[in-house]
Amino acid sequence: MEGVMMRNGDEYALAVRLPDGSINVWRMPWFSLPRLPLLKKPFLRGFPLLMETFVNGIRALNISVEATVPDEGNSITKSQFALTFVLALVTAIGLFVVVPHLLSLLMPGFYIGGDVEGLTFHLWDGFFKCCIFLTYIKLISFTQEIRRVFQYHGAEHKSIHAWEAGGDITVARAETMSRLHPRCGTTFLLFVISLSIFLHALLVPLLLHFYTPQGTVAKHCATLIFKLLLIIPVSAIAYELIRYAARLPDGIQAAILCDPGLALQKFTTQEPDAKQVDVALVALKEAIGPVEGARIITVPYKKQIDTCP
């Protein structure tokens, strides 16, 4: 809230605009899961990175809320942080895995769908998943707080584009950059949803061909568990795709992989004002360090110690 988070290797910076107009910034270690060297390899690193990003994102969100609404309560404890993480995870699973599955169960009643062993069930499941995702983004964009989050999202992209262009970076220069970026997490989510539709349609019927639990409820519960397990390969492939797409030169292949994500970012980013770009540049400067960050011109800000749970 009212801030920007930037990662650089094993650290990340979080810059937040306080109610009095000043900017505070935290530079903190990136929470990493214990990982064998094998799990850092392509097509194996995606899921651990997804979980790490989820944890660090909630962590940064909690700090920003404490900083911008200091009178609402005490600092968040470790147990409260864990509860927040679990609730966020359960909500995401319920909204984007369970609900589309349940809605797809209704389609045979309208004679326009089949059972879970068939292709049409998973096409409907993917359709509902996309609809819920887009509707969710649209609905939350109507709230003032989320509109500002989307503006800060745009400021983040503008500052990164300015950094990648080289030379000195000022607010005025960053404001001329695009608010859309091919390596955005929004594009990653779109890849995850698209790949899940394909893999569910391919692998779930195959699994049920070899093993089908007795009873309708047991069959659908097993299917949902299998879908949850498929998040691991789906996120792994999606991560490699987004990295590959970002390296492609302009052309048809780049357009096919990048344009849908860039189009979606028109909903998840908004044009920021100069003060929001200021915050993004502070986060970028602290993330990359004093040597490389010397060419980033920012307003004065205050460094804080790590107060994370």
C-alpha atoms as a PDB file:
ATOM      1  CA  MET A   1       0.000   0.000   0.000  1.00  0.00           C
ATOM      2  CA  GLU A   2       1.392   3.411  -1.056  1.00  0.00           C
ATOM      3  CA  GLY A   3       4.669   1.788  -2.012  1.00  0.00           C
ATOM      4  CA  VAL A   4       6.829  -0.201  -4.396  1.00  0.00           C
ATOM      5  CA  MET A   5       8.820  -3.376  -3.817  1.00  0.00           C
ATOM      6  CA  MET A   6      11.919  -4.165  -5.899  1.00  0.00           C
ATOM      7  CA  ARG A   7      13.987  -7.339  -5.745  1.00  0.00           C
ATOM      8  CA  ASN A   8      17.666  -7.652  -6.632  1.00  0.00           C
ATOM      9  CA  GLY A   9      19.187 -11.078  -6.044  1.00  0.00           C
ATOM     10  CA  ASP A  10      19.053 -12.072  -2.383  1.00  0.00           C
ATOM     11  CA  GLU A  11      17.685  -8.717  -1.199  1.00  0.00           C
ATOM     12  CA  TYR A  12      14.740  -6.476  -1.884  1.00  0.00           C
ATOM     13  CA  ALA A  13      13.837  -2.875  -1.180  1.00  0.00           C
ATOM     14  CA  LEU A  14      10.446  -1.596  -0.106  1.00  0.00           C
ATOM     15  CA  ALA A  15       9.776   2.146  -0.416  1.00  0.00           C
ATOM     16  CA  VAL A  16       6.589   3.555   1.127  1.00  0.00           C
ATOM     17  CA  ARG A  17       5.067   7.036   1.065  1.00  0.00           C
ATOM     18  CA  LEU A  18       4.011   7.928   4.621  1.00  0.00           C
ATOM     19  CA  PRO A  19       0.920  10.008   5.495  1.00  0.00           C
ATOM     20  CA  ASP A  20       3.150  13.061   6.168  1.00  0.00           C
ATOM     21  CA  GLY A  21       4.498  12.894   2.600  1.00  0.00           C
ATOM     22  CA  SER A  22       7.963  11.538   3.430  1.00  0.00           C
ATOM     23  CA  ILE A  23       9.356   8.299   1.994  1.00  0.00           C
ATOM     24  CA  ASN A  24      10.668   5.441   4.132  1.00  0.00           C
ATOM     25  CA  VAL A  25      12.589   2.563   2.624  1.00  0.00           C
ATOM     26  CA  TRP A  26      13.505  -0.871   3.980  1.00  0.00           C
ATOM     27  CA  ARG A  27      16.241  -3.025   2.456  1.00  0.00           C
ATOM     28  CA  MET A  28      15.799  -6.611   3.564  1.00  0.00           C
ATOM     29  CA  PRO A  29      16.914 -10.153   2.775  1.00  0.00           C
ATOM     30  CA  TRP A  30      14.708 -12.059   0.353  1.00  0.00           C
ATOM     31  CA  PHE A  31      13.032 -14.971   2.099  1.00  0.00           C
ATOM     32  CA  SER A  32      14.123 -18.142   0.312  1.00  0.00           C
ATOM     33  CA  LEU A  33      12.930 -21.695   0.738  1.00  0.00           C
ATOM     34  CA  PRO A  34      15.575 -24.341   1.486  1.00  0.00           C
ATOM     35  CA  ARG A  35      16.510 -25.519  -1.963  1.00  0.00           C
ATOM     36  CA  LEU A  36      18.782 -28.168  -3.402  1.00  0.00           C
ATOM     37  CA  PRO A  37      21.008 -27.079  -6.299  1.00  0.00           C
ATOM     38  CA  LEU A  38      18.842 -29.248  -8.571  1.00  0.00           C
ATOM     39  CA  LEU A  39      15.790 -27.106  -7.787  1.00  0.00           C
ATOM     40  CA  LYS A  40      17.552 -24.035  -9.148  1.00  0.00           C
ATOM     41  CA  LYS A  41      17.648 -25.547 -12.622  1.00  0.00           C
ATOM     42  CA  PRO A  42      15.314 -24.443 -15.446  1.00  0.00           C
ATOM     43  CA  PHE A  43      11.850 -26.041 -15.300  1.00  0.00           C
ATOM     44  CA  LEU A  44      12.383 -26.877 -11.617  1.00  0.00           C
ATOM     45  CA  ARG A  45      12.882 -23.397 -10.134  1.00  0.00           C
ATOM     46  CA  GLY A  46       9.492 -21.915 -11.005  1.00  0.00           C
ATOM     47  CA  PHE A  47       7.387 -23.280  -8.142  1.00  0.00           C
ATOM     48  CA  PRO A  48       9.858 -22.453  -5.304  1.00  0.00           C
ATOM     49  CA  LEU A  49      10.171 -18.935  -6.721  1.00  0.00           C
ATOM     50  CA  LEU A  50       6.389 -18.625  -6.834  1.00  0.00           C
ATOM     51  CA  MET A  51       6.084 -19.568  -3.166  1.00  0.00           C
ATOM     52  CA  GLU A  52       8.939 -17.241  -2.192  1.00  0.00           C
ATOM     53  CA  THR A  53       7.327 -14.352  -4.037  1.00  0.00           C
ATOM     54  CA  PHE A  54       4.024 -15.081  -2.301  1.00  0.00           C
ATOM     55  CA  VAL A  55       5.652 -14.992   1.146  1.00  0.00           C
ATOM     56  CA  ASN A  56       7.765 -11.906   0.483  1.00  0.00           C
ATOM     57  CA  GLY A  57       4.834 -10.095  -1.119  1.00  0.00           C
ATOM     58  CA  ILE A  58       2.603 -10.600   1.919  1.00  0.00           C
ATOM     59  CA  ARG A  59       5.502  -9.630   4.156  1.00  0.00           C
ATOM     60  CA  ALA A  60       6.020  -6.360   2.262  1.00  0.00           C
ATOM     61  CA  LEU A  61       2.280  -5.677   2.224  1.00  0.00           C
ATOM     62  CA  ASN A  62       2.110  -6.007   6.009  1.00  0.00           C
ATOM     63  CA  ILE A  63       4.992  -3.548   6.464  1.00  0.00           C
ATOM     64  CA  SER A  64       3.410  -1.019   4.114  1.00  0.00           C
ATOM     65  CA  VAL A  65       0.073  -1.220   5.942  1.00  0.00           C
ATOM     66  CA  GLU A  66       1.772  -0.708   9.314  1.00  0.00           C
ATOM     67  CA  ALA A  67       3.679   2.285   7.913  1.00  0.00           C
ATOM     68  CA  THR A  68       0.746   3.999   6.228  1.00  0.00           C
ATOM     69  CA  VAL A  69      -1.859   3.255   8.933  1.00  0.00           C
ATOM     70  CA  PRO A  70       0.252   3.401  12.115  1.00  0.00           C
ATOM     71  CA  ASP A  71      -2.625   3.990  14.510  1.00  0.00           C
ATOM     72  CA  GLU A  72      -4.688   0.958  13.549  1.00  0.00           C
ATOM     73  CA  GLY A  73      -2.942  -1.502  15.862  1.00  0.00           C
ATOM     74  CA  ASN A  74       0.328  -3.053  16.947  1.00  0.00           C
ATOM     75  CA  SER A  75       2.920  -4.629  14.694  1.00  0.00           C
ATOM     76  CA  ILE A  76       1.945  -7.883  13.069  1.00  0.00           C
ATOM     77  CA  THR A  77       3.209 -10.923  14.956  1.00  0.00           C
ATOM     78  CA  LYS A  78       4.596 -14.107  13.431  1.00  0.00           C
ATOM     79  CA  SER A  79       1.361 -15.969  14.142  1.00  0.00           C
ATOM     80  CA  GLN A  80      -0.693 -13.209  12.505  1.00  0.00           C
ATOM     81  CA  PHE A  81       1.616 -13.254   9.509  1.00  0.00           C
ATOM     82  CA  ALA A  82       1.243 -17.034   9.214  1.00  0.00           C
ATOM     83  CA  LEU A  83      -2.543 -16.711   9.436  1.00  0.00           C
ATOM     84  CA  THR A  84      -2.520 -14.033   6.728  1.00  0.00           C
ATOM     85  CA  PHE A  85      -0.443 -16.303   4.493  1.00  0.00           C
ATOM     86  CA  VAL A  86      -2.731 -19.301   5.013  1.00  0.00           C
ATOM     87  CA  LEU A  87      -5.911 -17.267   4.447  1.00  0.00           C
ATOM     88  CA  ALA A  88      -4.499 -15.740   1.256  1.00  0.00           C
ATOM     89  CA  LEU A  89      -3.485 -19.176  -0.023  1.00  0.00           C
ATOM     90  CA  VAL A  90      -6.847 -20.763   0.810  1.00  0.00           C
ATOM     91  CA  THR A  91      -8.723 -17.858  -0.794  1.00  0.00           C
ATOM     92  CA  ALA A  92      -6.670 -18.153  -3.999  1.00  0.00           C
ATOM     93  CA  ILE A  93      -7.230 -21.918  -4.170  1.00  0.00           C
ATOM     94  CA  GLY A  94     -10.929 -21.564  -3.483  1.00  0.00           C
ATOM     95  CA  LEU A  95     -11.487 -18.778  -5.984  1.00  0.00           C
ATOM     96  CA  PHE A  96      -9.367 -20.023  -8.877  1.00  0.00           C
ATOM     97  CA  VAL A  97      -9.442 -23.828  -8.459  1.00  0.00           C
ATOM     98  CA  VAL A  98     -12.515 -24.943  -6.501  1.00  0.00           C
ATOM     99  CA  VAL A  99     -15.119 -22.434  -7.732  1.00  0.00           C
ATOM    100  CA  PRO A 100     -14.409 -22.955 -11.481  1.00  0.00           C
ATOM    101  CA  HIS A 101     -14.570 -26.717 -10.909  1.00  0.00           C
ATOM    102  CA  LEU A 102     -17.927 -26.454  -9.146  1.00  0.00           C
ATOM    103  CA  LEU A 103     -19.350 -24.189 -11.849  1.00  0.00           C
ATOM    104  CA  SER A 104     -18.252 -26.680 -14.510  1.00  0.00           C
ATOM    105  CA  LEU A 105     -20.269 -29.363 -12.738  1.00  0.00           C
ATOM    106  CA  LEU A 106     -23.414 -27.405 -13.642  1.00  0.00           C
ATOM    107  CA  MET A 107     -22.811 -27.474 -17.395  1.00  0.00           C
ATOM    108  CA  PRO A 108     -24.056 -31.051 -18.070  1.00  0.00           C
ATOM    109  CA  GLY A 109     -27.410 -29.925 -16.695  1.00  0.00           C
ATOM    110  CA  PHE A 110     -27.634 -27.463 -19.593  1.00  0.00           C
ATOM    111  CA  TYR A 111     -26.494 -30.156 -22.082  1.00  0.00           C
ATOM    112  CA  ILE A 112     -23.372 -28.163 -22.963  1.00  0.00           C
ATOM    113  CA  GLY A 113     -20.740 -30.035 -20.964  1.00  0.00           C
ATOM    114  CA  GLY A 114     -19.528 -33.417 -19.896  1.00  0.00           C
ATOM    115  CA  ASP A 115     -18.087 -35.167 -16.883  1.00  0.00           C
ATOM    116  CA  VAL A 116     -14.628 -34.585 -15.504  1.00  0.00           C
ATOM    117  CA  GLU A 117     -13.186 -37.347 -17.706  1.00  0.00           C
ATOM    118  CA  GLY A 118     -14.021 -35.365 -20.842  1.00  0.00           C
ATOM    119  CA  LEU A 119     -12.450 -32.398 -22.594  1.00  0.00           C
ATOM    120  CA  THR A 120     -15.485 -30.114 -22.399  1.00  0.00           C
ATOM    121  CA  PHE A 121     -15.461 -30.128 -18.593  1.00  0.00           C
ATOM    122  CA  HIS A 122     -11.935 -28.705 -18.514  1.00  0.00           C
ATOM    123  CA  LEU A 123     -12.666 -26.181 -21.244  1.00  0.00           C
ATOM    124  CA  TRP A 124     -15.538 -24.865 -19.150  1.00  0.00           C
ATOM    125  CA  ASP A 125     -13.296 -24.965 -16.085  1.00  0.00           C
ATOM    126  CA  GLY A 126     -10.719 -22.834 -17.912  1.00  0.00           C
ATOM    127  CA  PHE A 127     -13.402 -20.468 -19.184  1.00  0.00           C
ATOM    128  CA  PHE A 128     -14.758 -19.876 -15.684  1.00  0.00           C
ATOM    129  CA  LYS A 129     -11.235 -19.490 -14.305  1.00  0.00           C
ATOM    130  CA  CYS A 130     -10.474 -16.742 -16.829  1.00  0.00           C
ATOM    131  CA  CYS A 131     -13.794 -15.027 -16.189  1.00  0.00           C
ATOM    132  CA  ILE A 132     -13.270 -15.049 -12.422  1.00  0.00           C
ATOM    133  CA  PHE A 133      -9.729 -13.746 -12.806  1.00  0.00           C
ATOM    134  CA  LEU A 134     -10.695 -10.859 -15.095  1.00  0.00           C
ATOM    135  CA  THR A 135     -13.812 -10.017 -13.091  1.00  0.00           C
ATOM    136  CA  TYR A 136     -11.798 -10.020  -9.869  1.00  0.00           C
ATOM    137  CA  ILE A 137      -9.255  -7.587 -11.314  1.00  0.00           C
ATOM    138  CA  LYS A 138     -12.000  -5.331 -12.673  1.00  0.00           C
ATOM    139  CA  LEU A 139     -13.985  -5.279  -9.432  1.00  0.00           C
ATOM    140  CA  ILE A 140     -11.043  -4.493  -7.166  1.00  0.00           C
ATOM    141  CA  SER A 141      -9.956  -1.700  -9.541  1.00  0.00           C
ATOM    142  CA  PHE A 142     -13.069   0.253  -8.525  1.00  0.00           C
ATOM    143  CA  THR A 143     -11.728   0.756  -4.996  1.00  0.00           C
ATOM    144  CA  GLN A 144      -9.572   3.825  -4.420  1.00  0.00           C
ATOM    145  CA  GLU A 145      -6.853   1.876  -2.591  1.00  0.00           C
ATOM    146  CA  ILE A 146      -6.418  -0.664  -5.391  1.00  0.00           C
ATOM    147  CA  ARG A 147      -6.452   2.057  -8.057  1.00  0.00           C
ATOM    148  CA  ARG A 148      -3.485   3.587  -6.264  1.00  0.00           C
ATOM    149  CA  VAL A 149      -1.811   0.168  -6.060  1.00  0.00           C
ATOM    150  CA  PHE A 150      -2.201  -0.105  -9.841  1.00  0.00           C
ATOM    151  CA  GLN A 151      -0.690   3.366 -10.229  1.00  0.00           C
ATOM    152  CA  TYR A 152       2.325   2.327  -8.167  1.00  0.00           C
ATOM    153  CA  HIS A 153       2.501  -0.799 -10.323  1.00  0.00           C
ATOM    154  CA  GLY A 154       2.757   1.448 -13.368  1.00  0.00           C
ATOM    155  CA  ALA A 155       5.420   3.564 -11.633  1.00  0.00           C
ATOM    156  CA  GLU A 156       7.444   0.398 -10.956  1.00  0.00           C
ATOM    157  CA  HIS A 157       7.422  -0.542 -14.634  1.00  0.00           C
ATOM    158  CA  LYS A 158       8.327   2.978 -15.760  1.00  0.00           C
ATOM    159  CA  SER A 159      11.321   3.091 -13.427  1.00  0.00           C
ATOM    160  CA  ILE A 160      12.558  -0.316 -14.627  1.00  0.00           C
ATOM    161  CA  HIS A 161      12.220   0.735 -18.272  1.00  0.00           C
ATOM    162  CA  ALA A 162      14.224   3.890 -17.496  1.00  0.00           C
ATOM    163  CA  TRP A 163      16.916   1.808 -15.789  1.00  0.00           C
ATOM    164  CA  GLU A 164      17.134  -0.618 -18.692  1.00  0.00           C
ATOM    165  CA  ALA A 165      17.433   2.283 -21.155  1.00  0.00           C
ATOM    166  CA  GLY A 166      20.682   3.423 -19.481  1.00  0.00           C
ATOM    167  CA  GLY A 167      21.909   6.877 -18.511  1.00  0.00           C
ATOM    168  CA  ASP A 168      20.817   9.052 -15.617  1.00  0.00           C
ATOM    169  CA  ILE A 169      17.318   8.447 -14.337  1.00  0.00           C
ATOM    170  CA  THR A 170      15.012  11.218 -13.172  1.00  0.00           C
ATOM    171  CA  VAL A 171      11.307  11.318 -12.451  1.00  0.00           C
ATOM    172  CA  ALA A 172      10.713  13.312 -15.631  1.00  0.00           C
ATOM    173  CA  ARG A 173      12.527  10.711 -17.727  1.00  0.00           C
ATOM    174  CA  ALA A 174      10.822   7.756 -16.068  1.00  0.00           C
ATOM    175  CA  GLU A 175       7.402   9.331 -16.652  1.00  0.00           C
ATOM    176  CA  THR A 176       7.963   9.140 -20.430  1.00  0.00           C
ATOM    177  CA  MET A 177       8.396   5.345 -20.282  1.00  0.00           C
ATOM    178  CA  SER A 178       5.719   2.707 -20.839  1.00  0.00           C
ATOM    179  CA  ARG A 179       3.784   1.461 -17.845  1.00  0.00           C
ATOM    180  CA  LEU A 180       3.710  -2.033 -19.420  1.00  0.00           C
ATOM    181  CA  HIS A 181       6.579  -4.512 -19.025  1.00  0.00           C
ATOM    182  CA  PRO A 182       6.969  -8.027 -20.515  1.00  0.00           C
ATOM    183  CA  ARG A 183       8.453  -9.556 -17.326  1.00  0.00           C
ATOM    184  CA  CYS A 184       5.575  -8.462 -15.109  1.00  0.00           C
ATOM    185  CA  GLY A 185       4.011 -10.890 -12.653  1.00  0.00           C
ATOM    186  CA  THR A 186       0.644 -10.237 -14.318  1.00  0.00           C
ATOM    187  CA  THR A 187       1.980 -11.908 -17.456  1.00  0.00           C
ATOM    188  CA  PHE A 188       3.201 -14.791 -15.306  1.00  0.00           C
ATOM    189  CA  LEU A 189      -0.317 -15.262 -13.882  1.00  0.00           C
ATOM    190  CA  LEU A 190      -1.768 -15.274 -17.382  1.00  0.00           C
ATOM    191  CA  PHE A 191       0.723 -17.959 -18.432  1.00  0.00           C
ATOM    192  CA  VAL A 192      -0.200 -19.994 -15.335  1.00  0.00           C
ATOM    193  CA  ILE A 193      -3.926 -19.837 -16.126  1.00  0.00           C
ATOM    194  CA  SER A 194      -3.424 -20.667 -19.818  1.00  0.00           C
ATOM    195  CA  LEU A 195      -1.091 -23.580 -19.120  1.00  0.00           C
ATOM    196  CA  SER A 196      -3.362 -24.939 -16.395  1.00  0.00           C
ATOM    197  CA  ILE A 197      -6.246 -25.143 -18.868  1.00  0.00           C
ATOM    198  CA  PHE A 198      -4.092 -27.133 -21.301  1.00  0.00           C
ATOM    199  CA  LEU A 199      -2.521 -29.480 -18.725  1.00  0.00           C
ATOM    200  CA  HIS A 200      -5.786 -30.106 -16.889  1.00  0.00           C
ATOM    201  CA  ALA A 201      -7.520 -31.044 -20.143  1.00  0.00           C
ATOM    202  CA  LEU A 202      -4.646 -33.358 -21.064  1.00  0.00           C
ATOM    203  CA  LEU A 203      -3.603 -34.946 -17.778  1.00  0.00           C
ATOM    204  CA  VAL A 204      -6.739 -35.168 -15.610  1.00  0.00           C
ATOM    205  CA  PRO A 205      -8.643 -37.481 -18.016  1.00  0.00           C
ATOM    206  CA  LEU A 206      -5.444 -39.510 -18.388  1.00  0.00           C
ATOM    207  CA  LEU A 207      -5.160 -39.931 -14.626  1.00  0.00           C
ATOM    208  CA  LEU A 208      -8.814 -40.913 -14.286  1.00  0.00           C
ATOM    209  CA  HIS A 209      -8.351 -43.451 -17.071  1.00  0.00           C
ATOM    210  CA  PHE A 210      -5.820 -45.304 -14.911  1.00  0.00           C
ATOM    211  CA  TYR A 211      -7.376 -44.609 -11.522  1.00  0.00           C
ATOM    212  CA  THR A 212     -10.913 -43.484 -10.710  1.00  0.00           C
ATOM    213  CA  PRO A 213     -11.980 -43.368  -7.030  1.00  0.00           C
ATOM    214  CA  GLN A 214     -15.272 -44.962  -6.156  1.00  0.00           C
ATOM    215  CA  GLY A 215     -18.087 -42.450  -5.758  1.00  0.00           C
ATOM    216  CA  THR A 216     -18.729 -39.080  -7.408  1.00  0.00           C
ATOM    217  CA  VAL A 217     -17.562 -36.974  -4.469  1.00  0.00           C
ATOM    218  CA  ALA A 218     -14.329 -38.946  -4.098  1.00  0.00           C
ATOM    219  CA  LYS A 219     -13.654 -38.643  -7.825  1.00  0.00           C
ATOM    220  CA  HIS A 220     -14.035 -34.869  -7.814  1.00  0.00           C
ATOM    221  CA  CYS A 221     -12.011 -34.478  -4.616  1.00  0.00           C
ATOM    222  CA  ALA A 222      -9.202 -36.511  -6.198  1.00  0.00           C
ATOM    223  CA  THR A 223      -9.410 -34.337  -9.305  1.00  0.00           C
ATOM    224  CA  LEU A 224      -9.095 -31.150  -7.259  1.00  0.00           C
ATOM    225  CA  ILE A 225      -6.085 -32.535  -5.391  1.00  0.00           C
ATOM    226  CA  PHE A 226      -4.477 -33.474  -8.695  1.00  0.00           C
ATOM    227  CA  LYS A 227      -5.105 -29.967 -10.026  1.00  0.00           C
ATOM    228  CA  LEU A 228      -3.413 -28.495  -6.975  1.00  0.00           C
ATOM    229  CA  LEU A 229      -0.397 -30.740  -7.522  1.00  0.00           C
ATOM    230  CA  LEU A 230      -0.268 -29.620 -11.149  1.00  0.00           C
ATOM    231  CA  ILE A 231       0.437 -26.080  -9.940  1.00  0.00           C
ATOM    232  CA  ILE A 232       4.051 -27.224  -9.511  1.00  0.00           C
ATOM    233  CA  PRO A 233       4.754 -28.073 -13.192  1.00  0.00           C
ATOM    234  CA  VAL A 234       2.441 -25.307 -14.436  1.00  0.00           C
ATOM    235  CA  SER A 235       4.297 -22.594 -12.501  1.00  0.00           C
ATOM    236  CA  ALA A 236       7.656 -24.078 -13.535  1.00  0.00           C
ATOM    237  CA  ILE A 237       6.807 -23.961 -17.247  1.00  0.00           C
ATOM    238  CA  ALA A 238       5.177 -20.523 -16.952  1.00  0.00           C
ATOM    239  CA  TYR A 239       8.283 -19.087 -15.313  1.00  0.00           C
ATOM    240  CA  GLU A 240      10.528 -20.323 -18.115  1.00  0.00           C
ATOM    241  CA  LEU A 241       8.094 -19.012 -20.732  1.00  0.00           C
ATOM    242  CA  ILE A 242       8.063 -15.510 -19.305  1.00  0.00           C
ATOM    243  CA  ARG A 243      11.868 -15.449 -19.187  1.00  0.00           C
ATOM    244  CA  TYR A 244      12.043 -16.713 -22.748  1.00  0.00           C
ATOM    245  CA  ALA A 245       9.441 -14.226 -23.997  1.00  0.00           C
ATOM    246  CA  ALA A 246      11.281 -11.297 -22.417  1.00  0.00           C
ATOM    247  CA  ARG A 247      14.437 -12.161 -24.401  1.00  0.00           C
ATOM    248  CA  LEU A 248      12.742 -12.405 -27.781  1.00  0.00           C
ATOM    249  CA  PRO A 249      13.299  -9.690 -30.388  1.00  0.00           C
ATOM    250  CA  ASP A 250      10.261  -7.982 -31.855  1.00  0.00           C
ATOM    251  CA  GLY A 251       8.362 -10.284 -34.180  1.00  0.00           C
ATOM    252  CA  ILE A 252       5.437 -12.667 -34.473  1.00  0.00           C
ATOM    253  CA  GLN A 253       6.702 -15.084 -31.838  1.00  0.00           C
ATOM    254  CA  ALA A 254       7.282 -12.281 -29.325  1.00  0.00           C
ATOM    255  CA  ALA A 255       3.862 -10.838 -30.064  1.00  0.00           C
ATOM    256  CA  ILE A 256       2.120 -14.177 -29.485  1.00  0.00           C
ATOM    257  CA  LEU A 257       3.802 -14.668 -26.111  1.00  0.00           C
ATOM    258  CA  CYS A 258       3.979 -11.069 -24.862  1.00  0.00           C
ATOM    259  CA  ASP A 259       0.962  -9.179 -26.230  1.00  0.00           C
ATOM    260  CA  PRO A 260      -1.748 -10.966 -24.168  1.00  0.00           C
ATOM    261  CA  GLY A 261       0.153 -10.215 -20.953  1.00  0.00           C
ATOM    262  CA  LEU A 262       0.784  -6.615 -21.981  1.00  0.00           C
ATOM    263  CA  ALA A 263      -2.909  -6.220 -22.778  1.00  0.00           C
ATOM    264  CA  LEU A 264      -3.814  -7.540 -19.325  1.00  0.00           C
ATOM    265  CA  GLN A 265      -1.412  -5.040 -17.747  1.00  0.00           C
ATOM    266  CA  LYS A 266      -3.607  -2.247 -19.109  1.00  0.00           C
ATOM    267  CA  PHE A 267      -6.001  -3.303 -16.346  1.00  0.00           C
ATOM    268  CA  THR A 268      -3.447  -3.983 -13.603  1.00  0.00           C
ATOM    269  CA  THR A 269      -1.453  -0.775 -14.121  1.00  0.00           C
ATOM    270  CA  GLN A 270      -2.509   2.861 -14.233  1.00  0.00           C
ATOM    271  CA  GLU A 271      -0.600   6.008 -15.141  1.00  0.00           C
ATOM    272  CA  PRO A 272       1.164   7.190 -11.958  1.00  0.00           C
ATOM    273  CA  ASP A 273       1.778  10.748 -10.824  1.00  0.00           C
ATOM    274  CA  ALA A 274       5.243  12.179 -10.209  1.00  0.00           C
ATOM    275  CA  LYS A 275       5.143  11.465  -6.466  1.00  0.00           C
ATOM    276  CA  GLN A 276       4.431   7.790  -7.100  1.00  0.00           C
ATOM    277  CA  VAL A 277       7.317   7.606  -9.574  1.00  0.00           C
ATOM    278  CA  ASP A 278       9.488   9.169  -6.847  1.00  0.00           C
ATOM    279  CA  VAL A 279       8.695   6.190  -4.594  1.00  0.00           C
ATOM    280  CA  ALA A 280       9.459   3.691  -7.353  1.00  0.00           C
ATOM    281  CA  LEU A 281      12.841   5.290  -8.030  1.00  0.00           C
ATOM    282  CA  VAL A 282      13.726   5.177  -4.328  1.00  0.00           C
ATOM    283  CA  ALA A 283      12.886   1.463  -4.242  1.00  0.00           C
ATOM    284  CA  LEU A 284      14.953   0.856  -7.378  1.00  0.00           C
ATOM    285  CA  LYS A 285      17.923   2.838  -6.055  1.00  0.00           C
ATOM    286  CA  GLU A 286      17.997   0.933  -2.773  1.00  0.00           C
ATOM    287  CA  ALA A 287      17.480  -2.426  -4.478  1.00  0.00           C
ATOM    288  CA  ILE A 288      20.461  -2.107  -6.803  1.00  0.00           C
ATOM    289  CA  GLY A 289      22.788  -0.537  -4.226  1.00  0.00           C
ATOM    290  CA  PRO A 290      24.730   2.739  -3.877  1.00  0.00           C
ATOM    291  CA  VAL A 291      27.235   2.169  -6.700  1.00  0.00           C
ATOM    292  CA  GLU A 292      24.859   1.279  -9.531  1.00  0.00           C
ATOM    293  CA  GLY A 293      22.150   3.449  -8.019  1.00  0.00           C
ATOM    294  CA  ALA A 294      24.263   6.592  -8.240  1.00  0.00           C
ATOM    295  CA  ARG A 295      22.708   7.501 -11.575  1.00  0.00           C
ATOM    296  CA  ILE A 296      19.187   7.469 -10.107  1.00  0.00           C
ATOM    297  CA  ILE A 297      18.126  10.957  -8.986  1.00  0.00           C
ATOM    298  CA  THR A 298      15.613  10.774  -6.127  1.00  0.00           C
ATOM    299  CA  VAL A 299      14.044  13.005  -3.531  1.00  0.00           C
ATOM    300  CA  PRO A 300      15.352  12.695   0.060  1.00  0.00           C
ATOM    301  CA  TYR A 301      14.166   9.596   1.929  1.00  0.00           C
ATOM    302  CA  LYS A 302      14.778   7.781   5.189  1.00  0.00           C
ATOM    303  CA  LYS A 303      16.179   4.267   5.568  1.00  0.00           C
ATOM    304  CA  GLN A 304      14.561   1.955   8.100  1.00  0.00           C
ATOM    305  CA  ILE A 305      15.677  -1.266   9.752  1.00  0.00           C
ATOM    306  CA  ASP A 306      13.976  -4.571   9.003  1.00  0.00           C
ATOM    307  CA  THR A 307      10.763  -4.793  11.061  1.00  0.00           C
ATOM    308  CA  CYS A 308       9.361  -7.876   9.331  1.00  0.00           C
ATOM    309  CA  PRO A 309       7.876 -10.757  11.341  1.00  0.00           C
END
